[in-house]
Amino acid sequence: MQVIIQKLSEVEDYKAAVLQYADDIMTTLLGVFNSRNNSVHEEAMLAVGAFTYACGRQFSKYLAAFYPFLKMGLMNHAEWQVRGPLI
């Protein structure tokens, strides 16, 4: 999903389609975060990153719903993807 959103958002005509379905896309991604399958959470987080870029400032309307999942991901220090570089 990440790659699809990235590719579509590179072309202005297609970016409009991403924005047209933005509510459905975010609802689906939030549903993934609500699942208990942790292996898909990383992929969903990457897709949200691409989606955020595609939406720009319009992403702010989804921030309240997404914030708990972002916070949970940042607090999960056991995952290597969350930790900063080792010095």
PDB file of N, CA and C in Angstrom:
ATOM      1  N   MET A   1       0.820  -1.179   0.000  1.00  0.00           N
ATOM      2  CA  MET A   1       0.000   0.000   0.000  1.00  0.00           C
ATOM      3  C   MET A   1       0.876   1.258   0.000  1.00  0.00           C
ATOM      4  N   GLN A   2       1.984   1.170   0.716  1.00  0.00           N
ATOM      5  CA  GLN A   2       2.903   2.300   0.760  1.00  0.00           C
ATOM      6  C   GLN A   2       3.365   2.697  -0.630  1.00  0.00           C
ATOM      7  N   VAL A   3       3.795   1.733  -1.407  1.00  0.00           N
ATOM      8  CA  VAL A   3       4.310   1.997  -2.750  1.00  0.00           C
ATOM      9  C   VAL A   3       3.208   2.545  -3.651  1.00  0.00           C
ATOM     10  N   ILE A   4       2.028   1.990  -3.542  1.00  0.00           N
ATOM     11  CA  ILE A   4       0.913   2.461  -4.367  1.00  0.00           C
ATOM     12  C   ILE A   4       0.614   3.927  -4.064  1.00  0.00           C
ATOM     13  N   ILE A   5       0.542   4.267  -2.782  1.00  0.00           N
ATOM     14  CA  ILE A   5       0.269   5.655  -2.399  1.00  0.00           C
ATOM     15  C   ILE A   5       1.383   6.572  -2.882  1.00  0.00           C
ATOM     16  N   GLN A   6       2.638   6.135  -2.738  1.00  0.00           N
ATOM     17  CA  GLN A   6       3.760   6.947  -3.191  1.00  0.00           C
ATOM     18  C   GLN A   6       3.691   7.199  -4.692  1.00  0.00           C
ATOM     19  N   LYS A   7       3.472   6.157  -5.459  1.00  0.00           N
ATOM     20  CA  LYS A   7       3.430   6.292  -6.919  1.00  0.00           C
ATOM     21  C   LYS A   7       2.262   7.167  -7.366  1.00  0.00           C
ATOM     22  N   LEU A   8       1.101   6.980  -6.753  1.00  0.00           N
ATOM     23  CA  LEU A   8      -0.058   7.781  -7.134  1.00  0.00           C
ATOM     24  C   LEU A   8       0.123   9.252  -6.762  1.00  0.00           C
ATOM     25  N   SER A   9       0.774   9.513  -5.651  1.00  0.00           N
ATOM     26  CA  SER A   9       0.912  10.896  -5.209  1.00  0.00           C
ATOM     27  C   SER A   9       1.983  11.666  -5.974  1.00  0.00           C
ATOM     28  N   GLU A  10       2.755  10.985  -6.797  1.00  0.00           N
ATOM     29  CA  GLU A  10       3.790  11.652  -7.605  1.00  0.00           C
ATOM     30  C   GLU A  10       3.190  12.394  -8.797  1.00  0.00           C
ATOM     31  N   VAL A  11       2.000  12.005  -9.230  1.00  0.00           N
ATOM     32  CA  VAL A  11       1.340  12.613 -10.383  1.00  0.00           C
ATOM     33  C   VAL A  11       0.104  13.357  -9.888  1.00  0.00           C
ATOM     34  N   GLU A  12       0.027  14.645 -10.190  1.00  0.00           N
ATOM     35  CA  GLU A  12      -1.058  15.477  -9.652  1.00  0.00           C
ATOM     36  C   GLU A  12      -2.454  14.913  -9.923  1.00  0.00           C
ATOM     37  N   ASP A  13      -2.693  14.402 -11.133  1.00  0.00           N
ATOM     38  CA  ASP A  13      -4.017  13.851 -11.443  1.00  0.00           C
ATOM     39  C   ASP A  13      -4.345  12.654 -10.560  1.00  0.00           C
ATOM     40  N   TYR A  14      -3.353  11.828 -10.281  1.00  0.00           N
ATOM     41  CA  TYR A  14      -3.573  10.646  -9.455  1.00  0.00           C
ATOM     42  C   TYR A  14      -3.602  11.002  -7.971  1.00  0.00           C
ATOM     43  N   LYS A  15      -2.860  12.041  -7.614  1.00  0.00           N
ATOM     44  CA  LYS A  15      -2.868  12.488  -6.224  1.00  0.00           C
ATOM     45  C   LYS A  15      -4.279  12.885  -5.803  1.00  0.00           C
ATOM     46  N   ALA A  16      -5.029  13.468  -6.724  1.00  0.00           N
ATOM     47  CA  ALA A  16      -6.416  13.828  -6.447  1.00  0.00           C
ATOM     48  C   ALA A  16      -7.239  12.586  -6.095  1.00  0.00           C
ATOM     49  N   ALA A  17      -6.930  11.463  -6.729  1.00  0.00           N
ATOM     50  CA  ALA A  17      -7.647  10.220  -6.425  1.00  0.00           C
ATOM     51  C   ALA A  17      -7.320   9.748  -5.013  1.00  0.00           C
ATOM     52  N   VAL A  18      -6.061   9.882  -4.618  1.00  0.00           N
ATOM     53  CA  VAL A  18      -5.681   9.511  -3.248  1.00  0.00           C
ATOM     54  C   VAL A  18      -6.464  10.378  -2.266  1.00  0.00           C
ATOM     55  N   LEU A  19      -6.533  11.668  -2.537  1.00  0.00           N
ATOM     56  CA  LEU A  19      -7.253  12.572  -1.641  1.00  0.00           C
ATOM     57  C   LEU A  19      -8.748  12.295  -1.647  1.00  0.00           C
ATOM     58  N   GLN A  20      -9.277  11.876  -2.794  1.00  0.00           N
ATOM     59  CA  GLN A  20     -10.703  11.554  -2.890  1.00  0.00           C
ATOM     60  C   GLN A  20     -11.067  10.386  -1.978  1.00  0.00           C
ATOM     61  N   TYR A  21     -10.172   9.426  -1.867  1.00  0.00           N
ATOM     62  CA  TYR A  21     -10.418   8.236  -1.055  1.00  0.00           C
ATOM     63  C   TYR A  21      -9.664   8.265   0.269  1.00  0.00           C
ATOM     64  N   ALA A  22      -9.222   9.441   0.688  1.00  0.00           N
ATOM     65  CA  ALA A  22      -8.389   9.565   1.887  1.00  0.00           C
ATOM     66  C   ALA A  22      -9.085   9.016   3.132  1.00  0.00           C
ATOM     67  N   ASP A  23     -10.357   9.306   3.306  1.00  0.00           N
ATOM     68  CA  ASP A  23     -11.069   8.806   4.489  1.00  0.00           C
ATOM     69  C   ASP A  23     -11.091   7.282   4.512  1.00  0.00           C
ATOM     70  N   ASP A  24     -11.356   6.679   3.368  1.00  0.00           N
ATOM     71  CA  ASP A  24     -11.394   5.211   3.289  1.00  0.00           C
ATOM     72  C   ASP A  24     -10.011   4.610   3.527  1.00  0.00           C
ATOM     73  N   ILE A  25      -8.993   5.241   2.970  1.00  0.00           N
ATOM     74  CA  ILE A  25      -7.624   4.742   3.147  1.00  0.00           C
ATOM     75  C   ILE A  25      -7.245   4.782   4.618  1.00  0.00           C
ATOM     76  N   MET A  26      -7.495   5.906   5.267  1.00  0.00           N
ATOM     77  CA  MET A  26      -7.111   6.031   6.677  1.00  0.00           C
ATOM     78  C   MET A  26      -7.930   5.111   7.558  1.00  0.00           C
ATOM     79  N   THR A  27      -9.198   4.945   7.256  1.00  0.00           N
ATOM     80  CA  THR A  27     -10.031   4.014   8.021  1.00  0.00           C
ATOM     81  C   THR A  27      -9.472   2.597   7.926  1.00  0.00           C
ATOM     82  N   THR A  28      -9.045   2.215   6.745  1.00  0.00           N
ATOM     83  CA  THR A  28      -8.459   0.885   6.549  1.00  0.00           C
ATOM     84  C   THR A  28      -7.160   0.740   7.324  1.00  0.00           C
ATOM     85  N   LEU A  29      -6.300   1.755   7.251  1.00  0.00           N
ATOM     86  CA  LEU A  29      -5.027   1.696   7.982  1.00  0.00           C
ATOM     87  C   LEU A  29      -5.252   1.649   9.486  1.00  0.00           C
ATOM     88  N   LEU A  30      -6.194   2.414   9.985  1.00  0.00           N
ATOM     89  CA  LEU A  30      -6.498   2.363  11.418  1.00  0.00           C
ATOM     90  C   LEU A  30      -7.035   0.991  11.815  1.00  0.00           C
ATOM     91  N   GLY A  31      -7.779   0.361  10.919  1.00  0.00           N
ATOM     92  CA  GLY A  31      -8.247  -0.996  11.170  1.00  0.00           C
ATOM     93  C   GLY A  31      -7.100  -1.983  11.285  1.00  0.00           C
ATOM     94  N   VAL A  32      -6.077  -1.777  10.477  1.00  0.00           N
ATOM     95  CA  VAL A  32      -4.886  -2.638  10.558  1.00  0.00           C
ATOM     96  C   VAL A  32      -4.220  -2.467  11.920  1.00  0.00           C
ATOM     97  N   PHE A  33      -4.100  -1.231  12.392  1.00  0.00           N
ATOM     98  CA  PHE A  33      -3.485  -0.996  13.697  1.00  0.00           C
ATOM     99  C   PHE A  33      -4.299  -1.595  14.831  1.00  0.00           C
ATOM    100  N   ASN A  34      -5.597  -1.700  14.637  1.00  0.00           N
ATOM    101  CA  ASN A  34      -6.454  -2.304  15.662  1.00  0.00           C
ATOM    102  C   ASN A  34      -6.365  -3.825  15.670  1.00  0.00           C
ATOM    103  N   SER A  35      -5.762  -4.408  14.663  1.00  0.00           N
ATOM    104  CA  SER A  35      -5.617  -5.869  14.631  1.00  0.00           C
ATOM    105  C   SER A  35      -4.527  -6.296  15.610  1.00  0.00           C
ATOM    106  N   ARG A  36      -4.520  -7.547  15.926  1.00  0.00           N
ATOM    107  CA  ARG A  36      -3.516  -8.074  16.860  1.00  0.00           C
ATOM    108  C   ARG A  36      -2.296  -8.651  16.151  1.00  0.00           C
ATOM    109  N   ASN A  37      -2.268  -8.502  14.849  1.00  0.00           N
ATOM    110  CA  ASN A  37      -1.161  -9.027  14.055  1.00  0.00           C
ATOM    111  C   ASN A  37      -0.070  -7.968  13.967  1.00  0.00           C
ATOM    112  N   ASN A  38       0.915  -8.057  14.855  1.00  0.00           N
ATOM    113  CA  ASN A  38       1.960  -7.044  14.930  1.00  0.00           C
ATOM    114  C   ASN A  38       2.833  -6.974  13.688  1.00  0.00           C
ATOM    115  N   SER A  39       2.899  -8.037  12.928  1.00  0.00           N
ATOM    116  CA  SER A  39       3.765  -8.024  11.742  1.00  0.00           C
ATOM    117  C   SER A  39       3.244  -7.066  10.675  1.00  0.00           C
ATOM    118  N   VAL A  40       1.960  -6.799  10.657  1.00  0.00           N
ATOM    119  CA  VAL A  40       1.419  -5.871   9.667  1.00  0.00           C
ATOM    120  C   VAL A  40       1.471  -4.422  10.139  1.00  0.00           C
ATOM    121  N   HIS A  41       1.711  -4.204  11.421  1.00  0.00           N
ATOM    122  CA  HIS A  41       1.763  -2.838  11.946  1.00  0.00           C
ATOM    123  C   HIS A  41       2.901  -2.032  11.324  1.00  0.00           C
ATOM    124  N   GLU A  42       4.043  -2.658  11.135  1.00  0.00           N
ATOM    125  CA  GLU A  42       5.186  -1.957  10.532  1.00  0.00           C
ATOM    126  C   GLU A  42       4.843  -1.506   9.113  1.00  0.00           C
ATOM    127  N   GLU A  43       4.241  -2.393   8.342  1.00  0.00           N
ATOM    128  CA  GLU A  43       3.861  -2.045   6.972  1.00  0.00           C
ATOM    129  C   GLU A  43       2.810  -0.935   6.968  1.00  0.00           C
ATOM    130  N   ALA A  44       1.882  -1.005   7.889  1.00  0.00           N
ATOM    131  CA  ALA A  44       0.853   0.026   7.968  1.00  0.00           C
ATOM    132  C   ALA A  44       1.469   1.370   8.354  1.00  0.00           C
ATOM    133  N   MET A  45       2.466   1.356   9.230  1.00  0.00           N
ATOM    134  CA  MET A  45       3.139   2.592   9.625  1.00  0.00           C
ATOM    135  C   MET A  45       3.840   3.217   8.418  1.00  0.00           C
ATOM    136  N   LEU A  46       4.467   2.400   7.596  1.00  0.00           N
ATOM    137  CA  LEU A  46       5.107   2.903   6.375  1.00  0.00           C
ATOM    138  C   LEU A  46       4.067   3.477   5.416  1.00  0.00           C
ATOM    139  N   ALA A  47       2.934   2.815   5.319  1.00  0.00           N
ATOM    140  CA  ALA A  47       1.864   3.308   4.444  1.00  0.00           C
ATOM    141  C   ALA A  47       1.321   4.646   4.958  1.00  0.00           C
ATOM    142  N   VAL A  48       1.214   4.793   6.273  1.00  0.00           N
ATOM    143  CA  VAL A  48       0.757   6.064   6.836  1.00  0.00           C
ATOM    144  C   VAL A  48       1.754   7.172   6.508  1.00  0.00           C
ATOM    145  N   GLY A  49       3.042   6.850   6.530  1.00  0.00           N
ATOM    146  CA  GLY A  49       4.045   7.839   6.158  1.00  0.00           C
ATOM    147  C   GLY A  49       3.849   8.347   4.739  1.00  0.00           C
ATOM    148  N   ALA A  50       3.633   7.438   3.813  1.00  0.00           N
ATOM    149  CA  ALA A  50       3.391   7.817   2.420  1.00  0.00           C
ATOM    150  C   ALA A  50       2.076   8.578   2.292  1.00  0.00           C
ATOM    151  N   PHE A  51       1.078   8.132   3.037  1.00  0.00           N
ATOM    152  CA  PHE A  51      -0.234   8.772   3.020  1.00  0.00           C
ATOM    153  C   PHE A  51      -0.155  10.194   3.570  1.00  0.00           C
ATOM    154  N   THR A  52       0.634  10.374   4.611  1.00  0.00           N
ATOM    155  CA  THR A  52       0.833  11.705   5.187  1.00  0.00           C
ATOM    156  C   THR A  52       1.444  12.644   4.164  1.00  0.00           C
ATOM    157  N   TYR A  53       2.435  12.156   3.456  1.00  0.00           N
ATOM    158  CA  TYR A  53       3.080  12.962   2.414  1.00  0.00           C
ATOM    159  C   TYR A  53       2.074  13.318   1.316  1.00  0.00           C
ATOM    160  N   ALA A  54       1.263  12.360   0.924  1.00  0.00           N
ATOM    161  CA  ALA A  54       0.282  12.600  -0.144  1.00  0.00           C
ATOM    162  C   ALA A  54      -0.780  13.611   0.292  1.00  0.00           C
ATOM    163  N   CYS A  55      -1.198  13.546   1.544  1.00  0.00           N
ATOM    164  CA  CYS A  55      -2.255  14.427   2.035  1.00  0.00           C
ATOM    165  C   CYS A  55      -1.746  15.820   2.405  1.00  0.00           C
ATOM    166  N   GLY A  56      -0.493  15.905   2.767  1.00  0.00           N
ATOM    167  CA  GLY A  56       0.029  17.193   3.208  1.00  0.00           C
ATOM    168  C   GLY A  56      -0.685  17.663   4.463  1.00  0.00           C
ATOM    169  N   ARG A  57      -1.033  18.933   4.495  1.00  0.00           N
ATOM    170  CA  ARG A  57      -1.690  19.517   5.671  1.00  0.00           C
ATOM    171  C   ARG A  57      -3.064  18.902   5.948  1.00  0.00           C
ATOM    172  N   GLN A  58      -3.653  18.305   4.948  1.00  0.00           N
ATOM    173  CA  GLN A  58      -4.973  17.694   5.135  1.00  0.00           C
ATOM    174  C   GLN A  58      -4.918  16.474   6.046  1.00  0.00           C
ATOM    175  N   PHE A  59      -3.705  15.955   6.299  1.00  0.00           N
ATOM    176  CA  PHE A  59      -3.567  14.810   7.192  1.00  0.00           C
ATOM    177  C   PHE A  59      -3.958  15.173   8.626  1.00  0.00           C
ATOM    178  N   SER A  60      -3.929  16.442   8.955  1.00  0.00           N
ATOM    179  CA  SER A  60      -4.203  16.866  10.331  1.00  0.00           C
ATOM    180  C   SER A  60      -5.562  16.377  10.829  1.00  0.00           C
ATOM    181  N   LYS A  61      -6.511  16.179   9.921  1.00  0.00           N
ATOM    182  CA  LYS A  61      -7.826  15.703  10.360  1.00  0.00           C
ATOM    183  C   LYS A  61      -7.786  14.258  10.853  1.00  0.00           C
ATOM    184  N   TYR A  62      -6.737  13.528  10.505  1.00  0.00           N
ATOM    185  CA  TYR A  62      -6.601  12.133  10.941  1.00  0.00           C
ATOM    186  C   TYR A  62      -5.678  11.986  12.149  1.00  0.00           C
ATOM    187  N   LEU A  63      -5.033  13.057  12.533  1.00  0.00           N
ATOM    188  CA  LEU A  63      -4.011  12.973  13.565  1.00  0.00           C
ATOM    189  C   LEU A  63      -4.547  12.499  14.902  1.00  0.00           C
ATOM    190  N   ALA A  64      -5.710  12.960  15.304  1.00  0.00           N
ATOM    191  CA  ALA A  64      -6.272  12.544  16.592  1.00  0.00           C
ATOM    192  C   ALA A  64      -6.511  11.033  16.643  1.00  0.00           C
ATOM    193  N   ALA A  65      -6.985  10.462  15.553  1.00  0.00           N
ATOM    194  CA  ALA A  65      -7.239   9.013  15.517  1.00  0.00           C
ATOM    195  C   ALA A  65      -5.946   8.219  15.414  1.00  0.00           C
ATOM    196  N   PHE A  66      -4.942   8.787  14.747  1.00  0.00           N
ATOM    197  CA  PHE A  66      -3.686   8.069  14.526  1.00  0.00           C
ATOM    198  C   PHE A  66      -2.718   8.208  15.702  1.00  0.00           C
ATOM    199  N   TYR A  67      -2.799   9.296  16.435  1.00  0.00           N
ATOM    200  CA  TYR A  67      -1.830   9.580  17.491  1.00  0.00           C
ATOM    201  C   TYR A  67      -1.642   8.436  18.486  1.00  0.00           C
ATOM    202  N   PRO A  68      -2.688   7.786  18.999  1.00  0.00           N
ATOM    203  CA  PRO A  68      -2.460   6.687  19.953  1.00  0.00           C
ATOM    204  C   PRO A  68      -1.592   5.565  19.381  1.00  0.00           C
ATOM    205  N   PHE A  69      -1.730   5.276  18.107  1.00  0.00           N
ATOM    206  CA  PHE A  69      -0.929   4.221  17.490  1.00  0.00           C
ATOM    207  C   PHE A  69       0.514   4.679  17.284  1.00  0.00           C
ATOM    208  N   LEU A  70       0.676   5.942  16.942  1.00  0.00           N
ATOM    209  CA  LEU A  70       2.017   6.504  16.806  1.00  0.00           C
ATOM    210  C   LEU A  70       2.730   6.485  18.145  1.00  0.00           C
ATOM    211  N   LYS A  71       2.043   6.910  19.181  1.00  0.00           N
ATOM    212  CA  LYS A  71       2.630   6.926  20.524  1.00  0.00           C
ATOM    213  C   LYS A  71       3.008   5.514  20.970  1.00  0.00           C
ATOM    214  N   MET A  72       2.114   4.569  20.730  1.00  0.00           N
ATOM    215  CA  MET A  72       2.390   3.183  21.104  1.00  0.00           C
ATOM    216  C   MET A  72       3.618   2.651  20.366  1.00  0.00           C
ATOM    217  N   GLY A  73       3.722   2.983  19.091  1.00  0.00           N
ATOM    218  CA  GLY A  73       4.878   2.544  18.318  1.00  0.00           C
ATOM    219  C   GLY A  73       6.174   3.154  18.810  1.00  0.00           C
ATOM    220  N   LEU A  74       6.147   4.418  19.169  1.00  0.00           N
ATOM    221  CA  LEU A  74       7.346   5.088  19.669  1.00  0.00           C
ATOM    222  C   LEU A  74       7.744   4.605  21.057  1.00  0.00           C
ATOM    223  N   MET A  75       6.771   4.156  21.818  1.00  0.00           N
ATOM    224  CA  MET A  75       7.077   3.663  23.165  1.00  0.00           C
ATOM    225  C   MET A  75       7.568   2.224  23.155  1.00  0.00           C
ATOM    226  N   ASN A  76       7.464   1.541  22.042  1.00  0.00           N
ATOM    227  CA  ASN A  76       7.889   0.146  21.943  1.00  0.00           C
ATOM    228  C   ASN A  76       9.396   0.107  21.663  1.00  0.00           C
ATOM    229  N   HIS A  77      10.176   0.310  22.696  1.00  0.00           N
ATOM    230  CA  HIS A  77      11.629   0.387  22.546  1.00  0.00           C
ATOM    231  C   HIS A  77      12.266  -0.947  22.183  1.00  0.00           C
ATOM    232  N   ALA A  78      11.553  -2.038  22.345  1.00  0.00           N
ATOM    233  CA  ALA A  78      12.121  -3.352  22.034  1.00  0.00           C
ATOM    234  C   ALA A  78      12.282  -3.565  20.534  1.00  0.00           C
ATOM    235  N   GLU A  79      11.517  -2.835  19.736  1.00  0.00           N
ATOM    236  CA  GLU A  79      11.594  -2.986  18.289  1.00  0.00           C
ATOM    237  C   GLU A  79      12.737  -2.168  17.734  1.00  0.00           C
ATOM    238  N   TRP A  80      13.574  -2.756  16.923  1.00  0.00           N
ATOM    239  CA  TRP A  80      14.749  -2.065  16.401  1.00  0.00           C
ATOM    240  C   TRP A  80      14.385  -0.902  15.497  1.00  0.00           C
ATOM    241  N   GLN A  81      13.227  -0.950  14.847  1.00  0.00           N
ATOM    242  CA  GLN A  81      12.829   0.116  13.939  1.00  0.00           C
ATOM    243  C   GLN A  81      12.556   1.422  14.692  1.00  0.00           C
ATOM    244  N   VAL A  82      12.262   1.333  15.970  1.00  0.00           N
ATOM    245  CA  VAL A  82      11.902   2.497  16.772  1.00  0.00           C
ATOM    246  C   VAL A  82      13.130   3.135  17.399  1.00  0.00           C
ATOM    247  N   ARG A  83      14.121   2.320  17.729  1.00  0.00           N
ATOM    248  CA  ARG A  83      15.310   2.847  18.411  1.00  0.00           C
ATOM    249  C   ARG A  83      16.133   3.714  17.487  1.00  0.00           C
ATOM    250  N   GLY A  84      16.794   4.662  18.089  1.00  0.00           N
ATOM    251  CA  GLY A  84      17.718   5.519  17.352  1.00  0.00           C
ATOM    252  C   GLY A  84      19.027   4.786  17.090  1.00  0.00           C
ATOM    253  N   PRO A  85      19.959   5.433  16.389  1.00  0.00           N
ATOM    254  CA  PRO A  85      21.237   4.785  16.086  1.00  0.00           C
ATOM    255  C   PRO A  85      22.054   4.576  17.357  1.00  0.00           C
ATOM    256  N   LEU A  86      22.775   3.480  17.377  1.00  0.00           N
ATOM    257  CA  LEU A  86      23.656   3.190  18.512  1.00  0.00           C
ATOM    258  C   LEU A  86      24.961   3.945  18.360  1.00  0.00           C
ATOM    259  N   ILE A  87      25.365   4.604  19.403  1.00  0.00           N
ATOM    260  CA  ILE A  87      26.612   5.378  19.363  1.00  0.00           C
ATOM    261  C   ILE A  87      27.660   4.699  20.197  1.00  0.00           C
TER     262      ILE A  87
END
